[in-house]
Amino acid sequence: MVDDHRQRILLAAARVYAVQGWRGATTRRIAEEAGVNEVTLFRQFGSKEALLDLMMHECSRIDEAAILPREPSEPGAELLHWVSAHHAGLSGRRAMVRQMMSDAEERPDAGHCAAHNASTAAAHLREYVVQLRRHGWVLAGDEITPTEVRAAVTLLMGAVFADAMNRDIMPMLYTEPLDDTLRAYVRIFLRGIGAPKEPVALRERTVDRLPSSTFPFSV
């Protein structure tokens, strides 16, 4: 954890970077935004590169506002809550992420930082799908392969990311209200992974009765 003084400078660097990008985020601009002089900035961080690198890594570690439960009970509601929180977090960092993606070709670390939260969220979603199957919400079988499930996870994460990044500048693509759109994303995802409206156990088929070979499932 950085102290309050350093945190203020990091937040100022994030605001300046989100508008100006790597080249435009000069130490002078950052110092003015933070209300300090450049000497203080260099004393704290050593260089502009060190400051912006740390700022990007700090921003990429922002925690999600919601987590997916280890034992699913209402997949539709749980996923909608989680997807909504993920979308809100991305939207709040939209300018920052766009700048990181713009700088990614010249500075690969910027691309890695931009992708960090999405990668972490995708890993959580894959684990949630494993738990859905383990608790009888997704039937095992040849119809839905692990590759298809991974593709469904990628499609959902990609749809949410694209929506958060582009809804404000591409209204012709996002004509439905956000809540309705996120709900549709979740419904399509659950159908895509073969999730029934109720778990197998409620239809008198418990996971315990299924052969262990039925779901050594990993995505």
Protein backbone atom coordinates (compact mmCIF):
# COMPACT_ATOMS: atom_id res chain seq x y z
CA MET A 1 0.00 0.00 0.00
CA VAL A 2 1.26 3.40 -0.94
CA ASP A 3 0.88 6.26 1.52
CA ASP A 4 -1.68 9.05 1.03
CA HIS A 5 0.81 11.44 -0.55
CA ARG A 6 1.97 8.94 -3.14
CA GLN A 7 -1.61 7.84 -3.71
CA ARG A 8 -2.61 11.42 -4.54
CA ILE A 9 0.15 11.62 -7.14
CA LEU A 10 -0.82 8.23 -8.61
CA LEU A 11 -4.45 9.31 -8.91
CA ALA A 12 -3.36 12.56 -10.56
CA ALA A 13 -1.18 10.59 -12.97
CA ALA A 14 -4.17 8.38 -13.83
CA ARG A 15 -6.37 11.39 -14.57
CA VAL A 16 -3.74 13.06 -16.75
CA TYR A 17 -2.84 9.84 -18.55
CA ALA A 18 -6.49 9.05 -19.31
CA VAL A 19 -6.75 12.33 -21.22
CA GLN A 20 -3.24 12.86 -22.58
CA GLY A 21 -1.84 9.35 -23.07
CA TRP A 22 1.77 8.33 -22.40
CA ARG A 23 3.42 11.05 -24.43
CA GLY A 24 1.16 13.82 -23.21
CA ALA A 25 1.27 12.88 -19.53
CA THR A 26 4.26 15.04 -18.67
CA THR A 27 5.63 15.30 -15.17
CA ARG A 28 4.73 18.98 -15.16
CA ARG A 29 1.08 18.23 -15.92
CA ILE A 30 0.94 15.45 -13.35
CA ALA A 31 2.57 17.61 -10.68
CA GLU A 32 0.10 20.44 -11.34
CA GLU A 33 -2.84 18.02 -11.18
CA ALA A 34 -1.56 16.58 -7.89
CA GLY A 35 -0.81 20.01 -6.40
CA VAL A 36 2.91 19.29 -5.89
CA ASN A 37 6.08 20.43 -7.57
CA GLU A 38 8.03 18.29 -10.01
CA VAL A 39 10.88 17.86 -7.55
CA THR A 40 8.51 16.08 -5.17
CA LEU A 41 7.29 13.86 -7.97
CA PHE A 42 10.82 12.82 -8.96
CA ARG A 43 11.79 12.35 -5.31
CA GLN A 44 8.85 10.00 -4.81
CA PHE A 45 9.04 8.00 -8.05
CA GLY A 46 12.37 8.70 -9.72
CA SER A 47 11.08 9.18 -13.26
CA LYS A 48 7.96 9.62 -15.34
CA GLU A 49 8.32 6.04 -16.61
CA ALA A 50 8.44 4.60 -13.10
CA LEU A 51 5.44 6.69 -12.04
CA LEU A 52 3.26 5.75 -15.01
CA ASP A 53 4.26 2.08 -14.83
CA LEU A 54 3.26 1.94 -11.16
CA MET A 55 0.05 3.87 -11.86
CA MET A 56 -0.96 1.39 -14.57
CA HIS A 57 -0.28 -1.62 -12.38
CA GLU A 58 -2.20 -0.08 -9.48
CA CYS A 59 -5.18 0.66 -11.73
CA SER A 60 -5.10 -2.85 -13.18
CA ARG A 61 -5.48 -4.35 -9.70
CA ILE A 62 -8.77 -2.64 -8.88
CA ASP A 63 -10.98 -5.20 -7.17
CA GLU A 64 -14.31 -6.18 -8.64
CA ALA A 65 -17.38 -4.94 -6.79
CA ALA A 66 -18.94 -8.41 -6.84
CA ILE A 67 -17.75 -11.99 -6.69
CA LEU A 68 -19.29 -15.20 -7.98
CA PRO A 69 -20.31 -17.68 -5.27
CA ARG A 70 -18.54 -20.98 -4.79
CA GLU A 71 -21.90 -22.75 -4.59
CA PRO A 72 -24.32 -21.44 -7.23
CA SER A 73 -27.97 -21.18 -6.25
CA GLU A 74 -29.43 -18.71 -8.77
CA PRO A 75 -27.10 -18.60 -11.78
CA GLY A 76 -29.12 -16.03 -13.70
CA ALA A 77 -29.27 -13.53 -10.84
CA GLU A 78 -25.71 -14.23 -9.69
CA LEU A 79 -24.25 -13.77 -13.16
CA LEU A 80 -26.29 -10.65 -13.84
CA HIS A 81 -25.08 -9.04 -10.60
CA TRP A 82 -21.48 -9.97 -11.39
CA VAL A 83 -21.63 -8.89 -15.04
CA SER A 84 -23.24 -5.57 -14.04
CA ALA A 85 -20.45 -4.89 -11.53
CA HIS A 86 -17.77 -5.85 -14.05
CA HIS A 87 -19.34 -3.58 -16.67
CA ALA A 88 -19.57 -0.69 -14.21
CA GLY A 89 -15.89 -1.10 -13.26
CA LEU A 90 -14.82 -1.13 -16.90
CA SER A 91 -17.00 1.87 -17.72
CA GLY A 92 -15.49 3.82 -14.84
CA ARG A 93 -12.00 3.14 -16.23
CA ARG A 94 -13.03 3.49 -19.87
CA ALA A 95 -10.76 6.43 -20.73
CA MET A 96 -7.82 4.82 -18.97
CA VAL A 97 -8.30 1.46 -20.72
CA ARG A 98 -8.66 3.12 -24.10
CA GLN A 99 -5.39 4.96 -23.60
CA MET A 100 -3.63 1.79 -22.50
CA MET A 101 -4.88 -0.03 -25.60
CA SER A 102 -3.78 2.90 -27.77
CA ASP A 103 -0.29 2.78 -26.24
CA ALA A 104 -0.04 -1.02 -26.28
CA GLU A 105 1.83 -1.33 -29.57
CA GLU A 106 4.55 1.05 -28.46
CA ARG A 107 4.49 -0.01 -24.81
CA PRO A 108 3.38 -3.67 -24.43
CA ASP A 109 3.12 -3.33 -20.64
CA ALA A 110 0.22 -0.92 -21.17
CA GLY A 111 -1.65 -3.63 -23.06
CA HIS A 112 -0.96 -6.16 -20.31
CA CYS A 113 -2.33 -3.76 -17.70
CA ALA A 114 -5.42 -3.03 -19.81
CA ALA A 115 -6.12 -6.75 -20.10
CA HIS A 116 -5.40 -7.68 -16.48
CA ASN A 117 -8.88 -7.12 -15.06
CA ALA A 118 -10.59 -8.79 -18.01
CA SER A 119 -8.26 -11.80 -17.71
CA THR A 120 -8.90 -12.07 -13.97
CA ALA A 121 -12.65 -11.79 -14.50
CA ALA A 122 -12.57 -14.48 -17.19
CA ALA A 123 -10.71 -16.82 -14.83
CA HIS A 124 -13.39 -16.25 -12.16
CA LEU A 125 -16.11 -16.96 -14.71
CA ARG A 126 -14.45 -20.19 -15.84
CA GLU A 127 -14.25 -21.34 -12.22
CA TYR A 128 -17.92 -20.47 -11.76
CA VAL A 129 -18.81 -22.67 -14.74
CA VAL A 130 -16.89 -25.51 -13.11
CA GLN A 131 -18.99 -24.98 -9.97
CA LEU A 132 -22.18 -24.88 -12.04
CA ARG A 133 -21.38 -28.32 -13.41
CA ARG A 134 -20.22 -29.64 -10.04
CA HIS A 135 -23.52 -28.61 -8.44
CA GLY A 136 -25.70 -29.99 -11.19
CA TRP A 137 -26.51 -26.83 -13.12
CA VAL A 138 -24.75 -27.94 -16.31
CA LEU A 139 -25.23 -31.43 -17.65
CA ALA A 140 -22.12 -33.32 -18.64
CA GLY A 141 -22.11 -34.85 -22.07
CA ASP A 142 -20.73 -34.70 -25.53
CA GLU A 143 -23.11 -31.94 -26.63
CA ILE A 144 -21.16 -29.18 -24.84
CA THR A 145 -17.40 -29.59 -24.98
CA PRO A 146 -14.88 -27.81 -22.75
CA THR A 147 -13.68 -25.92 -25.84
CA GLU A 148 -17.20 -24.66 -26.46
CA VAL A 149 -17.56 -23.61 -22.83
CA ARG A 150 -14.28 -21.70 -23.01
CA ALA A 151 -15.56 -20.04 -26.18
CA ALA A 152 -18.80 -19.10 -24.40
CA VAL A 153 -16.80 -17.51 -21.56
CA THR A 154 -14.72 -15.58 -24.10
CA LEU A 155 -17.84 -14.41 -25.92
CA LEU A 156 -19.51 -13.17 -22.74
CA MET A 157 -16.40 -11.36 -21.52
CA GLY A 158 -15.83 -9.90 -24.97
CA ALA A 159 -19.42 -8.68 -25.21
CA VAL A 160 -19.27 -6.99 -21.81
CA PHE A 161 -15.87 -5.43 -22.54
CA ALA A 162 -16.97 -4.13 -25.95
CA ASP A 163 -20.19 -2.76 -24.47
CA ALA A 164 -18.35 -0.92 -21.70
CA MET A 165 -15.75 0.51 -24.09
CA ASN A 166 -18.05 1.47 -26.96
CA ARG A 167 -21.59 2.13 -25.76
CA ASP A 168 -20.94 5.87 -25.45
CA ILE A 169 -19.40 6.29 -28.92
CA MET A 170 -21.37 3.70 -30.92
CA PRO A 171 -25.01 4.22 -29.92
CA MET A 172 -26.16 2.68 -33.21
CA LEU A 173 -24.85 -0.69 -31.97
CA TYR A 174 -26.23 -0.41 -28.44
CA THR A 175 -29.84 0.60 -28.92
CA GLU A 176 -31.30 -1.33 -25.99
CA PRO A 177 -31.07 -0.13 -22.35
CA LEU A 178 -27.94 -1.36 -20.58
CA ASP A 179 -29.78 -3.47 -17.98
CA ASP A 180 -31.79 -5.28 -20.67
CA THR A 181 -28.65 -5.87 -22.73
CA LEU A 182 -26.66 -7.32 -19.82
CA ARG A 183 -29.59 -9.56 -18.94
CA ALA A 184 -29.66 -10.80 -22.54
CA TYR A 185 -25.91 -11.48 -22.48
CA VAL A 186 -26.37 -13.64 -19.38
CA ARG A 187 -29.32 -15.56 -20.81
CA ILE A 188 -27.46 -16.29 -24.03
CA PHE A 189 -24.40 -17.41 -22.08
CA LEU A 190 -26.37 -19.81 -19.89
CA ARG A 191 -28.13 -21.29 -22.89
CA GLY A 192 -24.77 -21.60 -24.64
CA ILE A 193 -23.26 -23.73 -21.86
CA GLY A 194 -26.39 -25.85 -21.60
CA ALA A 195 -27.52 -24.66 -18.17
CA PRO A 196 -31.11 -25.76 -17.39
CA LYS A 197 -33.58 -23.60 -15.48
CA GLU A 198 -33.11 -25.80 -12.42
CA PRO A 199 -30.22 -27.96 -11.24
CA VAL A 200 -30.03 -31.66 -11.97
CA ALA A 201 -30.56 -32.43 -8.27
CA LEU A 202 -34.03 -30.87 -8.35
CA ARG A 203 -34.98 -33.26 -11.14
CA GLU A 204 -34.09 -36.24 -8.96
CA ARG A 205 -30.62 -36.61 -10.43
CA THR A 206 -27.96 -35.64 -7.95
CA VAL A 207 -24.37 -35.01 -8.87
CA ASP A 208 -23.40 -37.78 -6.46
CA ARG A 209 -25.17 -40.32 -8.67
CA LEU A 210 -23.26 -39.31 -11.78
CA PRO A 211 -20.11 -41.31 -12.58
CA SER A 212 -16.98 -39.48 -11.51
CA SER A 213 -15.76 -39.63 -15.11
CA THR A 214 -18.74 -37.53 -16.17
CA PHE A 215 -17.35 -34.23 -15.03
CA PRO A 216 -13.60 -34.05 -14.62
CA PHE A 217 -14.38 -30.69 -16.15
CA SER A 218 -11.91 -27.91 -16.51
CA VAL A 219 -12.14 -24.73 -18.51
